């Protein structure tokens, strides 16, 4: 088989320095049960990657489908005669992620410039 199935709750903890720069990102993960997964999906669907990608299965169903999901590969999906809704959703999600990365990359130089200007002005005040 493919191994043991489990549902995981992950939270990113970001630490910043005095200038607001990221100094560390660490992840805290813990195993959760199907009921906790379902409650989280209802409470904040956008925070559940599978729900956000259009996979509306319950926690119990995800665990039951684990072996079949492990056999579901992009190659197998793309070989099908008709277009796969899973590949379509994956394409949409990847496009959205790429757009977010582009926006961050475009904003980064101006954010660095603003931080640099703030540091310079703070140094002038302290002189």
N, C-alpha and C. Protein backbone atom coordinates (compact mmCIF):
# COMPACT_ATOMS: atom_id res chain seq x y z
N UNK A 1 0.82 -1.19 0.00
CA UNK A 1 0.00 0.00 0.00
C UNK A 1 0.85 1.25 0.00
N UNK A 2 0.19 2.36 0.07
CA UNK A 2 0.85 3.65 0.01
C UNK A 2 1.29 4.15 1.38
N UNK A 3 0.91 3.45 2.44
CA UNK A 3 1.28 3.90 3.77
C UNK A 3 0.06 4.32 4.55
N UNK A 4 0.29 4.94 5.68
CA UNK A 4 -0.80 5.36 6.55
C UNK A 4 -1.33 6.72 6.14
N UNK A 5 -2.63 6.88 6.25
CA UNK A 5 -3.27 8.16 5.93
C UNK A 5 -3.45 8.97 7.21
N UNK A 6 -3.45 10.27 7.07
CA UNK A 6 -3.69 11.15 8.20
C UNK A 6 -4.03 12.55 7.73
N UNK A 7 -4.72 13.26 8.56
CA UNK A 7 -5.05 14.67 8.28
C UNK A 7 -4.18 15.51 9.20
N UNK A 8 -3.62 16.59 8.67
CA UNK A 8 -2.68 17.41 9.42
C UNK A 8 -3.13 18.86 9.42
N UNK A 9 -3.06 19.48 10.59
CA UNK A 9 -3.31 20.92 10.72
C UNK A 9 -1.94 21.59 10.81
N UNK A 10 -1.67 22.55 9.93
CA UNK A 10 -0.38 23.24 9.89
C UNK A 10 -0.57 24.73 10.10
N UNK A 11 0.29 25.31 10.91
CA UNK A 11 0.26 26.75 11.15
C UNK A 11 1.68 27.30 10.98
N UNK A 12 1.82 28.36 10.20
CA UNK A 12 3.12 29.01 10.04
C UNK A 12 3.26 30.07 11.11
N UNK A 13 4.41 30.07 11.78
CA UNK A 13 4.72 31.09 12.77
C UNK A 13 5.87 31.91 12.21
N UNK A 14 5.64 33.21 12.03
CA UNK A 14 6.63 34.11 11.45
C UNK A 14 7.19 35.03 12.52
N UNK A 15 8.50 35.16 12.56
CA UNK A 15 9.17 36.05 13.51
C UNK A 15 9.79 37.20 12.71
N UNK A 16 9.67 38.42 13.25
CA UNK A 16 10.17 39.61 12.59
C UNK A 16 11.21 40.30 13.46
N UNK A 17 12.12 41.05 12.83
CA UNK A 17 13.06 41.85 13.60
C UNK A 17 12.47 43.24 13.83
N UNK A 18 13.24 44.11 14.44
CA UNK A 18 12.76 45.45 14.78
C UNK A 18 12.36 46.28 13.56
N UNK A 19 12.92 45.95 12.40
CA UNK A 19 12.60 46.69 11.17
C UNK A 19 11.44 46.06 10.41
N UNK A 20 10.86 45.01 10.98
CA UNK A 20 9.73 44.36 10.33
C UNK A 20 10.11 43.33 9.29
N UNK A 21 11.39 42.96 9.26
CA UNK A 21 11.84 41.96 8.30
C UNK A 21 11.64 40.56 8.88
N UNK A 22 11.32 39.63 8.03
CA UNK A 22 11.13 38.25 8.46
C UNK A 22 12.49 37.66 8.81
N UNK A 23 12.59 37.13 10.02
CA UNK A 23 13.84 36.50 10.44
C UNK A 23 13.71 34.99 10.53
N UNK A 24 12.47 34.50 10.65
CA UNK A 24 12.27 33.06 10.74
C UNK A 24 10.82 32.73 10.42
N UNK A 25 10.65 31.63 9.72
CA UNK A 25 9.32 31.06 9.51
C UNK A 25 9.41 29.61 9.93
N UNK A 26 8.60 29.23 10.90
CA UNK A 26 8.58 27.84 11.33
C UNK A 26 7.15 27.32 11.25
N UNK A 27 7.04 26.04 11.05
CA UNK A 27 5.72 25.42 10.90
C UNK A 27 5.45 24.51 12.09
N UNK A 28 4.23 24.60 12.60
CA UNK A 28 3.78 23.72 13.66
C UNK A 28 2.71 22.82 13.05
N UNK A 29 2.93 21.52 13.09
CA UNK A 29 2.00 20.56 12.50
C UNK A 29 1.47 19.64 13.59
N UNK A 30 0.20 19.26 13.47
CA UNK A 30 -0.35 18.27 14.38
C UNK A 30 -1.41 17.47 13.64
N UNK A 31 -1.49 16.21 14.00
CA UNK A 31 -2.47 15.31 13.39
C UNK A 31 -3.84 15.63 13.98
N UNK A 32 -4.84 15.69 13.09
CA UNK A 32 -6.22 15.94 13.54
C UNK A 32 -7.12 14.82 13.02
N UNK A 33 -8.28 14.71 13.65
CA UNK A 33 -9.25 13.70 13.23
C UNK A 33 -10.21 14.26 12.19
N UNK A 34 -11.00 13.38 11.60
CA UNK A 34 -11.94 13.80 10.55
C UNK A 34 -12.95 14.86 11.03
N UNK A 35 -13.41 14.74 12.26
CA UNK A 35 -14.39 15.72 12.76
C UNK A 35 -13.77 17.11 12.89
N UNK A 36 -12.52 17.17 13.36
CA UNK A 36 -11.84 18.47 13.48
C UNK A 36 -11.58 19.06 12.09
N UNK A 37 -11.23 18.21 11.12
CA UNK A 37 -11.03 18.68 9.75
C UNK A 37 -12.32 19.28 9.21
N UNK A 38 -13.43 18.56 9.39
CA UNK A 38 -14.73 19.05 8.89
C UNK A 38 -15.10 20.38 9.53
N UNK A 39 -14.87 20.50 10.84
CA UNK A 39 -15.20 21.75 11.55
C UNK A 39 -14.34 22.90 11.01
N UNK A 40 -13.05 22.63 10.76
CA UNK A 40 -12.15 23.68 10.23
C UNK A 40 -12.58 24.08 8.83
N UNK A 41 -12.99 23.10 8.02
CA UNK A 41 -13.43 23.39 6.65
C UNK A 41 -14.69 24.24 6.64
N UNK A 42 -15.56 24.01 7.58
CA UNK A 42 -16.79 24.81 7.67
C UNK A 42 -16.46 26.21 8.19
N UNK A 43 -15.59 26.29 9.19
CA UNK A 43 -15.25 27.57 9.82
C UNK A 43 -14.47 28.48 8.88
N UNK A 44 -13.50 27.92 8.13
CA UNK A 44 -12.65 28.75 7.27
C UNK A 44 -12.20 27.92 6.07
N UNK A 45 -13.08 27.78 5.09
CA UNK A 45 -12.81 26.93 3.93
C UNK A 45 -11.55 27.38 3.19
N UNK A 46 -11.27 28.68 3.14
CA UNK A 46 -10.10 29.19 2.42
C UNK A 46 -8.79 28.73 3.06
N UNK A 47 -8.83 28.38 4.34
CA UNK A 47 -7.63 27.92 5.03
C UNK A 47 -7.38 26.43 4.82
N UNK A 48 -8.28 25.75 4.16
CA UNK A 48 -8.14 24.32 3.87
C UNK A 48 -7.77 24.17 2.40
N UNK A 49 -6.51 23.84 2.10
CA UNK A 49 -6.08 23.80 0.70
C UNK A 49 -6.93 22.90 -0.19
N UNK A 50 -7.35 21.74 0.30
CA UNK A 50 -8.16 20.86 -0.54
C UNK A 50 -9.52 21.48 -0.84
N UNK A 51 -10.14 22.07 0.16
CA UNK A 51 -11.44 22.73 -0.04
C UNK A 51 -11.28 23.89 -1.01
N UNK A 52 -10.24 24.69 -0.81
CA UNK A 52 -9.99 25.85 -1.68
C UNK A 52 -9.76 25.41 -3.12
N UNK A 53 -9.20 24.20 -3.32
CA UNK A 53 -8.96 23.69 -4.66
C UNK A 53 -10.19 23.00 -5.25
N UNK A 54 -11.29 22.96 -4.47
CA UNK A 54 -12.52 22.38 -4.99
C UNK A 54 -12.79 20.96 -4.57
N UNK A 55 -11.95 20.39 -3.70
CA UNK A 55 -12.16 19.03 -3.21
C UNK A 55 -13.03 19.11 -1.96
N UNK A 56 -14.30 18.80 -2.12
CA UNK A 56 -15.27 18.99 -1.03
C UNK A 56 -15.53 17.73 -0.21
N UNK A 57 -14.62 16.77 -0.27
CA UNK A 57 -14.80 15.55 0.51
C UNK A 57 -14.63 15.82 2.01
N UNK A 58 -15.33 15.06 2.82
CA UNK A 58 -15.21 15.16 4.27
C UNK A 58 -13.89 14.55 4.72
N UNK A 59 -13.52 14.81 5.96
CA UNK A 59 -12.32 14.21 6.51
C UNK A 59 -12.38 12.69 6.47
N UNK A 60 -13.53 12.12 6.79
CA UNK A 60 -13.70 10.67 6.76
C UNK A 60 -13.51 10.14 5.35
N UNK A 61 -14.09 10.84 4.37
CA UNK A 61 -13.97 10.39 2.98
C UNK A 61 -12.54 10.52 2.47
N UNK A 62 -11.84 11.59 2.86
CA UNK A 62 -10.43 11.74 2.46
C UNK A 62 -9.58 10.58 2.96
N UNK A 63 -9.80 10.19 4.21
CA UNK A 63 -9.04 9.06 4.76
C UNK A 63 -9.40 7.77 4.04
N UNK A 64 -10.67 7.58 3.74
CA UNK A 64 -11.11 6.36 3.05
C UNK A 64 -10.55 6.30 1.62
N UNK A 65 -10.39 7.44 0.98
CA UNK A 65 -9.93 7.51 -0.41
C UNK A 65 -8.42 7.57 -0.56
N UNK A 66 -7.68 7.50 0.54
CA UNK A 66 -6.24 7.72 0.51
C UNK A 66 -5.53 6.82 -0.51
N UNK A 67 -5.77 5.53 -0.47
CA UNK A 67 -5.09 4.60 -1.39
C UNK A 67 -5.39 4.96 -2.84
N UNK A 68 -6.66 5.24 -3.15
CA UNK A 68 -7.04 5.61 -4.52
C UNK A 68 -6.40 6.94 -4.93
N UNK A 69 -6.35 7.89 -4.00
CA UNK A 69 -5.74 9.19 -4.29
C UNK A 69 -4.25 9.05 -4.60
N UNK A 70 -3.57 8.11 -3.93
CA UNK A 70 -2.14 7.90 -4.18
C UNK A 70 -1.91 7.36 -5.59
N UNK A 71 -2.89 6.66 -6.13
CA UNK A 71 -2.75 6.14 -7.49
C UNK A 71 -3.15 7.17 -8.54
N UNK A 72 -3.72 8.28 -8.12
CA UNK A 72 -4.19 9.33 -9.04
C UNK A 72 -3.01 10.24 -9.38
N UNK A 73 -2.44 10.06 -10.55
CA UNK A 73 -1.28 10.85 -10.96
C UNK A 73 -1.66 11.78 -12.09
N UNK A 74 -0.87 12.82 -12.30
CA UNK A 74 -1.12 13.76 -13.40
C UNK A 74 -1.04 13.02 -14.73
N UNK A 75 -0.08 12.10 -14.86
CA UNK A 75 0.05 11.33 -16.10
C UNK A 75 -1.22 10.52 -16.37
N UNK A 76 -1.76 9.90 -15.35
CA UNK A 76 -2.97 9.10 -15.52
C UNK A 76 -4.17 10.00 -15.85
N UNK A 77 -4.25 11.16 -15.19
CA UNK A 77 -5.36 12.09 -15.46
C UNK A 77 -5.28 12.64 -16.87
N UNK A 78 -4.07 12.98 -17.31
CA UNK A 78 -3.92 13.58 -18.64
C UNK A 78 -4.11 12.57 -19.76
N UNK A 79 -3.97 11.28 -19.47
CA UNK A 79 -4.16 10.24 -20.48
C UNK A 79 -5.64 9.95 -20.74
N UNK A 80 -6.50 10.45 -19.89
CA UNK A 80 -7.94 10.20 -20.06
C UNK A 80 -8.44 10.89 -21.32
N UNK A 81 -9.48 10.33 -21.94
CA UNK A 81 -10.03 10.88 -23.19
C UNK A 81 -10.68 12.24 -22.99
N UNK A 82 -11.34 12.43 -21.89
CA UNK A 82 -12.02 13.71 -21.66
C UNK A 82 -11.21 14.54 -20.66
N UNK A 83 -11.34 15.85 -20.72
CA UNK A 83 -10.58 16.71 -19.80
C UNK A 83 -10.93 16.41 -18.35
N UNK A 84 -9.92 16.41 -17.52
CA UNK A 84 -10.11 16.12 -16.10
C UNK A 84 -10.46 17.38 -15.32
N UNK A 85 -11.56 17.35 -14.55
CA UNK A 85 -11.86 18.52 -13.71
C UNK A 85 -10.79 18.74 -12.64
N UNK A 86 -10.12 17.67 -12.23
CA UNK A 86 -9.05 17.81 -11.24
C UNK A 86 -7.89 18.59 -11.85
N UNK A 87 -7.50 18.25 -13.09
CA UNK A 87 -6.41 18.99 -13.74
C UNK A 87 -6.81 20.43 -14.01
N UNK A 88 -8.06 20.65 -14.35
CA UNK A 88 -8.54 22.01 -14.59
C UNK A 88 -8.42 22.84 -13.31
N UNK A 89 -8.87 22.28 -12.18
CA UNK A 89 -8.78 22.98 -10.89
C UNK A 89 -7.33 23.20 -10.50
N UNK A 90 -6.48 22.21 -10.75
CA UNK A 90 -5.06 22.34 -10.44
C UNK A 90 -4.44 23.47 -11.26
N UNK A 91 -4.79 23.55 -12.54
CA UNK A 91 -4.29 24.63 -13.40
C UNK A 91 -4.71 25.99 -12.90
N UNK A 92 -5.95 26.11 -12.49
CA UNK A 92 -6.46 27.38 -11.95
C UNK A 92 -5.72 27.75 -10.67
N UNK A 93 -5.53 26.76 -9.78
CA UNK A 93 -4.83 27.03 -8.52
C UNK A 93 -3.38 27.41 -8.76
N UNK A 94 -2.71 26.74 -9.69
CA UNK A 94 -1.31 27.08 -9.99
C UNK A 94 -1.19 28.47 -10.61
N UNK A 95 -2.13 28.81 -11.48
CA UNK A 95 -2.13 30.15 -12.08
C UNK A 95 -2.31 31.22 -11.01
N UNK A 96 -3.24 30.98 -10.09
CA UNK A 96 -3.47 31.95 -9.01
C UNK A 96 -2.23 32.09 -8.13
N UNK A 97 -1.58 30.97 -7.83
CA UNK A 97 -0.36 31.03 -7.00
C UNK A 97 0.74 31.79 -7.72
N UNK A 98 0.88 31.57 -9.03
CA UNK A 98 1.90 32.29 -9.80
C UNK A 98 1.61 33.79 -9.82
N UNK A 99 0.34 34.15 -9.95
CA UNK A 99 -0.03 35.58 -9.93
C UNK A 99 0.32 36.22 -8.59
N UNK A 100 0.04 35.49 -7.49
CA UNK A 100 0.38 36.03 -6.16
C UNK A 100 1.89 36.22 -6.02
N UNK A 101 2.67 35.26 -6.53
CA UNK A 101 4.13 35.38 -6.48
C UNK A 101 4.62 36.57 -7.30
N UNK A 102 4.03 36.78 -8.47
CA UNK A 102 4.40 37.93 -9.29
C UNK A 102 4.10 39.23 -8.58
N UNK A 103 2.91 39.31 -7.95
CA UNK A 103 2.55 40.53 -7.22
C UNK A 103 3.53 40.80 -6.09
N UNK A 104 3.91 39.75 -5.36
CA UNK A 104 4.87 39.92 -4.26
C UNK A 104 6.23 40.35 -4.78
N UNK A 105 6.65 39.76 -5.89
CA UNK A 105 7.95 40.12 -6.47
C UNK A 105 7.96 41.57 -6.94
N UNK A 106 6.85 42.02 -7.53
CA UNK A 106 6.77 43.41 -7.98
C UNK A 106 6.74 44.37 -6.80
N UNK A 107 6.10 43.96 -5.69
CA UNK A 107 5.99 44.83 -4.53
C UNK A 107 7.28 44.84 -3.70
N UNK A 108 8.07 43.78 -3.79
CA UNK A 108 9.25 43.65 -2.94
C UNK A 108 10.25 44.79 -3.10
N UNK A 109 10.62 45.20 -4.32
CA UNK A 109 11.60 46.30 -4.43
C UNK A 109 11.11 47.58 -3.77
N UNK A 110 9.82 47.91 -3.94
CA UNK A 110 9.33 49.14 -3.32
C UNK A 110 9.25 49.00 -1.81
N UNK A 111 8.96 47.81 -1.32
CA UNK A 111 8.94 47.59 0.13
C UNK A 111 10.34 47.73 0.70
N UNK A 112 11.33 47.18 -0.01
CA UNK A 112 12.71 47.32 0.44
C UNK A 112 13.14 48.78 0.41
N UNK A 113 12.73 49.50 -0.62
CA UNK A 113 13.08 50.92 -0.72
C UNK A 113 12.46 51.70 0.43
N UNK A 114 11.22 51.39 0.75
CA UNK A 114 10.55 52.08 1.86
C UNK A 114 11.24 51.77 3.19
N UNK A 115 11.64 50.52 3.38
CA UNK A 115 12.35 50.14 4.61
C UNK A 115 13.69 50.86 4.68
N UNK A 116 14.40 50.90 3.56
CA UNK A 116 15.69 51.59 3.50
C UNK A 116 15.52 53.07 3.83
N UNK A 117 14.49 53.69 3.27
CA UNK A 117 14.22 55.11 3.54
C UNK A 117 13.91 55.32 5.02
N UNK A 118 13.16 54.40 5.61
CA UNK A 118 12.82 54.52 7.04
C UNK A 118 14.08 54.38 7.90
N UNK A 119 14.95 53.47 7.54
CA UNK A 119 16.20 53.29 8.29
C UNK A 119 17.06 54.54 8.17
N UNK A 120 17.18 55.10 6.96
CA UNK A 120 17.96 56.32 6.77
C UNK A 120 17.40 57.47 7.58
N UNK A 121 16.09 57.61 7.55
CA UNK A 121 15.51 58.72 8.29
C UNK A 121 15.66 58.53 9.79
N UNK A 122 15.60 57.28 10.28
CA UNK A 122 15.81 57.01 11.70
C UNK A 122 17.25 57.32 12.08
N UNK A 123 18.19 57.01 11.19
CA UNK A 123 19.60 57.31 11.48
C UNK A 123 19.84 58.82 11.53
N UNK A 124 19.17 59.57 10.67
CA UNK A 124 19.33 61.02 10.67
C UNK A 124 18.80 61.62 11.98
N UNK A 125 17.70 61.08 12.47
CA UNK A 125 17.11 61.58 13.72
C UNK A 125 18.06 61.31 14.89
N UNK A 126 18.74 60.17 14.87
CA UNK A 126 19.61 59.78 15.99
C UNK A 126 20.98 60.43 15.92
N UNK A 127 21.30 61.15 14.85
CA UNK A 127 22.62 61.78 14.74
C UNK A 127 22.70 63.05 15.53
